[in-house]
Amino acid sequence: MLRNKLLALLTVLLLASGVSWAQCKEFALDEGLKQLDTEKYIHDGRFNAIRLRGGDDIRLYKSFFQGESYRITVVAESTLNDVTFEVVDFKENNVLFSSQKSKSMIWDFNSDVSQRLVIVVHVPKDQNPETLRGCIAIMFGVKKDIK
């Protein structure tokens, strides 16, 4: 009897997490691609989306190649307030971009050298201990070669 209840609970939890992931991926597709501006930028084909809550930080490592123009954008569901991101040089740990300083969640740049960068997303700790989780999507695009 207890085993059946545990199995039922586990099934419900797995289904709920699958629905949650599907909703996060859908958010990334809708809002992330809109911010990326696929008229001008070619999406890299990866959906970097995760559910976070207040106080969480994530780091994503990505390679960028010399001679290309890129766009990085971070979008967050409305349940998460004041989300910020920084782009940091992997080797020197220099901050190359800060959304908090620029007041923009989009960074367009030309890569003068092939390099590995770290995208650090920060969700500030909320005063409410029962903060809901929300989806964060980090999108990358390469500028189209318009002729």
C-alpha atoms as a PDB file:
ATOM      1  CA  MET A   1       0.000   0.000   0.000  1.00  0.00           C
ATOM      2  CA  LEU A   2       2.749   2.446   0.982  1.00  0.00           C
ATOM      3  CA  ARG A   3       4.732   1.420  -2.084  1.00  0.00           C
ATOM      4  CA  ASN A   4       1.770   2.251  -4.375  1.00  0.00           C
ATOM      5  CA  LYS A   5       1.373   5.666  -2.746  1.00  0.00           C
ATOM      6  CA  LEU A   6       5.077   6.417  -3.176  1.00  0.00           C
ATOM      7  CA  LEU A   7       4.958   5.283  -6.798  1.00  0.00           C
ATOM      8  CA  ALA A   8       1.918   7.487  -7.443  1.00  0.00           C
ATOM      9  CA  LEU A   9       3.616  10.488  -5.795  1.00  0.00           C
ATOM     10  CA  LEU A  10       6.799   9.942  -7.813  1.00  0.00           C
ATOM     11  CA  THR A  11       4.771   9.727 -11.036  1.00  0.00           C
ATOM     12  CA  VAL A  12       2.970  12.991 -10.256  1.00  0.00           C
ATOM     13  CA  LEU A  13       6.259  14.749  -9.482  1.00  0.00           C
ATOM     14  CA  LEU A  14       7.887  13.526 -12.687  1.00  0.00           C
ATOM     15  CA  LEU A  15       4.897  14.595 -14.786  1.00  0.00           C
ATOM     16  CA  ALA A  16       4.818  18.015 -13.110  1.00  0.00           C
ATOM     17  CA  SER A  17       8.527  18.592 -13.768  1.00  0.00           C
ATOM     18  CA  GLY A  18       8.054  17.579 -17.413  1.00  0.00           C
ATOM     19  CA  VAL A  19       5.202  20.059 -17.817  1.00  0.00           C
ATOM     20  CA  SER A  20       7.293  22.731 -16.100  1.00  0.00           C
ATOM     21  CA  TRP A  21      10.247  22.090 -18.462  1.00  0.00           C
ATOM     22  CA  ALA A  22       7.960  22.147 -21.510  1.00  0.00           C
ATOM     23  CA  GLN A  23       6.522  25.492 -20.413  1.00  0.00           C
ATOM     24  CA  CYS A  24      10.030  26.879 -19.878  1.00  0.00           C
ATOM     25  CA  LYS A  25      11.137  25.715 -23.326  1.00  0.00           C
ATOM     26  CA  GLU A  26       8.020  27.278 -24.850  1.00  0.00           C
ATOM     27  CA  PHE A  27       8.818  30.545 -23.051  1.00  0.00           C
ATOM     28  CA  ALA A  28      12.363  30.415 -24.454  1.00  0.00           C
ATOM     29  CA  LEU A  29      11.017  29.837 -27.950  1.00  0.00           C
ATOM     30  CA  ASP A  30       8.455  32.630 -27.765  1.00  0.00           C
ATOM     31  CA  GLU A  31      10.110  35.388 -25.764  1.00  0.00           C
ATOM     32  CA  GLY A  32      13.738  34.479 -26.306  1.00  0.00           C
ATOM     33  CA  LEU A  33      13.547  34.335 -30.092  1.00  0.00           C
ATOM     34  CA  LYS A  34      11.544  37.569 -30.131  1.00  0.00           C
ATOM     35  CA  GLN A  35      14.312  39.366 -28.213  1.00  0.00           C
ATOM     36  CA  LEU A  36      16.990  37.727 -30.353  1.00  0.00           C
ATOM     37  CA  ASP A  37      15.436  39.300 -33.502  1.00  0.00           C
ATOM     38  CA  THR A  38      15.710  36.440 -35.978  1.00  0.00           C
ATOM     39  CA  GLU A  39      15.372  38.906 -38.865  1.00  0.00           C
ATOM     40  CA  LYS A  40      18.931  40.065 -38.118  1.00  0.00           C
ATOM     41  CA  TYR A  41      20.458  37.214 -36.111  1.00  0.00           C
ATOM     42  CA  ILE A  42      20.665  33.469 -36.705  1.00  0.00           C
ATOM     43  CA  HIS A  43      19.812  31.556 -33.557  1.00  0.00           C
ATOM     44  CA  ASP A  44      22.507  29.045 -32.588  1.00  0.00           C
ATOM     45  CA  GLY A  45      19.884  26.294 -32.287  1.00  0.00           C
ATOM     46  CA  ARG A  46      20.281  25.703 -28.564  1.00  0.00           C
ATOM     47  CA  PHE A  47      17.676  26.506 -25.967  1.00  0.00           C
ATOM     48  CA  ASN A  48      19.406  27.454 -22.754  1.00  0.00           C
ATOM     49  CA  ALA A  49      16.466  27.670 -20.382  1.00  0.00           C
ATOM     50  CA  ILE A  50      16.154  26.872 -16.697  1.00  0.00           C
ATOM     51  CA  ARG A  51      13.726  27.497 -13.865  1.00  0.00           C
ATOM     52  CA  LEU A  52      15.179  29.628 -11.060  1.00  0.00           C
ATOM     53  CA  ARG A  53      13.993  31.424  -7.939  1.00  0.00           C
ATOM     54  CA  GLY A  54      15.180  34.446  -5.972  1.00  0.00           C
ATOM     55  CA  GLY A  55      18.781  34.139  -4.823  1.00  0.00           C
ATOM     56  CA  ASP A  56      19.822  31.764  -7.619  1.00  0.00           C
ATOM     57  CA  ASP A  57      22.822  32.374  -9.890  1.00  0.00           C
ATOM     58  CA  ILE A  58      23.804  30.392 -12.944  1.00  0.00           C
ATOM     59  CA  ARG A  59      26.866  30.376 -15.189  1.00  0.00           C
ATOM     60  CA  LEU A  60      26.910  29.360 -18.824  1.00  0.00           C
ATOM     61  CA  TYR A  61      30.184  28.921 -20.725  1.00  0.00           C
ATOM     62  CA  LYS A  62      30.178  29.652 -24.457  1.00  0.00           C
ATOM     63  CA  SER A  63      32.763  29.989 -27.224  1.00  0.00           C
ATOM     64  CA  PHE A  64      32.694  32.918 -29.643  1.00  0.00           C
ATOM     65  CA  PHE A  65      34.744  33.091 -32.803  1.00  0.00           C
ATOM     66  CA  GLN A  66      36.901  35.821 -34.300  1.00  0.00           C
ATOM     67  CA  GLY A  67      35.301  37.974 -36.967  1.00  0.00           C
ATOM     68  CA  GLU A  68      31.678  37.239 -36.039  1.00  0.00           C
ATOM     69  CA  SER A  69      29.045  39.633 -34.694  1.00  0.00           C
ATOM     70  CA  TYR A  70      26.896  38.249 -31.910  1.00  0.00           C
ATOM     71  CA  ARG A  71      23.824  38.995 -29.839  1.00  0.00           C
ATOM     72  CA  ILE A  72      23.306  37.628 -26.334  1.00  0.00           C
ATOM     73  CA  THR A  73      19.928  38.142 -24.742  1.00  0.00           C
ATOM     74  CA  VAL A  74      18.470  37.015 -21.430  1.00  0.00           C
ATOM     75  CA  VAL A  75      14.729  36.937 -20.834  1.00  0.00           C
ATOM     76  CA  ALA A  76      12.940  36.121 -17.592  1.00  0.00           C
ATOM     77  CA  GLU A  77       9.349  35.348 -16.712  1.00  0.00           C
ATOM     78  CA  SER A  78       7.505  38.094 -14.861  1.00  0.00           C
ATOM     79  CA  THR A  79       7.533  36.064 -11.622  1.00  0.00           C
ATOM     80  CA  LEU A  80      11.239  36.901 -11.342  1.00  0.00           C
ATOM     81  CA  ASN A  81      12.100  40.537 -10.617  1.00  0.00           C
ATOM     82  CA  ASP A  82      15.273  42.492 -11.366  1.00  0.00           C
ATOM     83  CA  VAL A  83      17.138  39.673 -13.121  1.00  0.00           C
ATOM     84  CA  THR A  84      20.579  40.801 -14.335  1.00  0.00           C
ATOM     85  CA  PHE A  85      23.403  39.249 -16.296  1.00  0.00           C
ATOM     86  CA  GLU A  86      27.080  39.809 -16.897  1.00  0.00           C
ATOM     87  CA  VAL A  87      29.414  38.577 -19.581  1.00  0.00           C
ATOM     88  CA  VAL A  88      32.841  37.764 -18.189  1.00  0.00           C
ATOM     89  CA  ASP A  89      36.071  36.887 -19.975  1.00  0.00           C
ATOM     90  CA  PHE A  90      36.933  33.305 -19.004  1.00  0.00           C
ATOM     91  CA  LYS A  91      40.720  33.804 -18.883  1.00  0.00           C
ATOM     92  CA  GLU A  92      41.043  37.221 -17.245  1.00  0.00           C
ATOM     93  CA  ASN A  93      37.725  37.310 -15.339  1.00  0.00           C
ATOM     94  CA  ASN A  94      37.069  40.849 -16.654  1.00  0.00           C
ATOM     95  CA  VAL A  95      33.451  41.967 -16.878  1.00  0.00           C
ATOM     96  CA  LEU A  96      32.830  42.796 -20.543  1.00  0.00           C
ATOM     97  CA  PHE A  97      29.123  43.601 -20.197  1.00  0.00           C
ATOM     98  CA  SER A  98      26.748  44.251 -17.312  1.00  0.00           C
ATOM     99  CA  SER A  99      23.000  44.488 -17.880  1.00  0.00           C
ATOM    100  CA  GLN A 100      22.708  46.321 -14.570  1.00  0.00           C
ATOM    101  CA  LYS A 101      25.041  49.101 -15.773  1.00  0.00           C
ATOM    102  CA  SER A 102      23.734  49.237 -19.346  1.00  0.00           C
ATOM    103  CA  LYS A 103      20.052  48.852 -18.354  1.00  0.00           C
ATOM    104  CA  SER A 104      19.635  46.389 -21.237  1.00  0.00           C
ATOM    105  CA  MET A 105      19.074  42.635 -21.344  1.00  0.00           C
ATOM    106  CA  ILE A 106      20.617  42.498 -24.829  1.00  0.00           C
ATOM    107  CA  TRP A 107      24.306  42.724 -25.713  1.00  0.00           C
ATOM    108  CA  ASP A 108      25.490  43.040 -29.305  1.00  0.00           C
ATOM    109  CA  PHE A 109      29.221  42.733 -29.891  1.00  0.00           C
ATOM    110  CA  ASN A 110      31.898  41.889 -32.435  1.00  0.00           C
ATOM    111  CA  SER A 111      34.347  39.192 -31.425  1.00  0.00           C
ATOM    112  CA  ASP A 112      37.842  40.437 -32.323  1.00  0.00           C
ATOM    113  CA  VAL A 113      39.395  37.159 -31.170  1.00  0.00           C
ATOM    114  CA  SER A 114      38.170  33.613 -30.667  1.00  0.00           C
ATOM    115  CA  GLN A 115      37.338  33.422 -26.984  1.00  0.00           C
ATOM    116  CA  ARG A 116      35.439  31.637 -24.263  1.00  0.00           C
ATOM    117  CA  LEU A 117      33.061  33.794 -22.262  1.00  0.00           C
ATOM    118  CA  VAL A 118      30.979  33.154 -19.173  1.00  0.00           C
ATOM    119  CA  ILE A 119      27.399  34.420 -19.000  1.00  0.00           C
ATOM    120  CA  VAL A 120      26.428  34.880 -15.337  1.00  0.00           C
ATOM    121  CA  VAL A 121      22.715  35.335 -14.615  1.00  0.00           C
ATOM    122  CA  HIS A 122      21.665  36.577 -11.177  1.00  0.00           C
ATOM    123  CA  VAL A 123      18.184  36.509  -9.671  1.00  0.00           C
ATOM    124  CA  PRO A 124      18.186  38.726  -6.562  1.00  0.00           C
ATOM    125  CA  LYS A 125      17.004  37.253  -3.293  1.00  0.00           C
ATOM    126  CA  ASP A 126      13.377  38.173  -2.761  1.00  0.00           C
ATOM    127  CA  GLN A 127      11.872  39.345   0.518  1.00  0.00           C
ATOM    128  CA  ASN A 128       9.142  36.729   0.152  1.00  0.00           C
ATOM    129  CA  PRO A 129      10.425  33.305   1.301  1.00  0.00           C
ATOM    130  CA  GLU A 130       7.811  31.594  -0.894  1.00  0.00           C
ATOM    131  CA  THR A 131       9.042  33.138  -4.120  1.00  0.00           C
ATOM    132  CA  LEU A 132       7.783  31.289  -7.141  1.00  0.00           C
ATOM    133  CA  ARG A 133      10.166  29.817  -9.626  1.00  0.00           C
ATOM    134  CA  GLY A 134      10.361  31.370 -13.042  1.00  0.00           C
ATOM    135  CA  CYS A 135      11.954  30.559 -16.345  1.00  0.00           C
ATOM    136  CA  ILE A 136      15.167  32.211 -17.536  1.00  0.00           C
ATOM    137  CA  ALA A 137      16.260  31.847 -21.163  1.00  0.00           C
ATOM    138  CA  ILE A 138      19.698  32.745 -22.494  1.00  0.00           C
ATOM    139  CA  MET A 139      19.734  33.069 -26.280  1.00  0.00           C
ATOM    140  CA  PHE A 140      22.636  33.464 -28.678  1.00  0.00           C
ATOM    141  CA  GLY A 141      22.643  34.638 -32.257  1.00  0.00           C
ATOM    142  CA  VAL A 142      25.165  35.333 -34.999  1.00  0.00           C
ATOM    143  CA  LYS A 143      24.489  38.356 -37.180  1.00  0.00           C
ATOM    144  CA  LYS A 144      23.234  37.429 -40.650  1.00  0.00           C
ATOM    145  CA  ASP A 145      25.478  38.264 -43.552  1.00  0.00           C
ATOM    146  CA  ILE A 146      23.142  40.654 -45.386  1.00  0.00           C
ATOM    147  CA  LYS A 147      24.173  41.297 -48.973  1.00  0.00           C
END
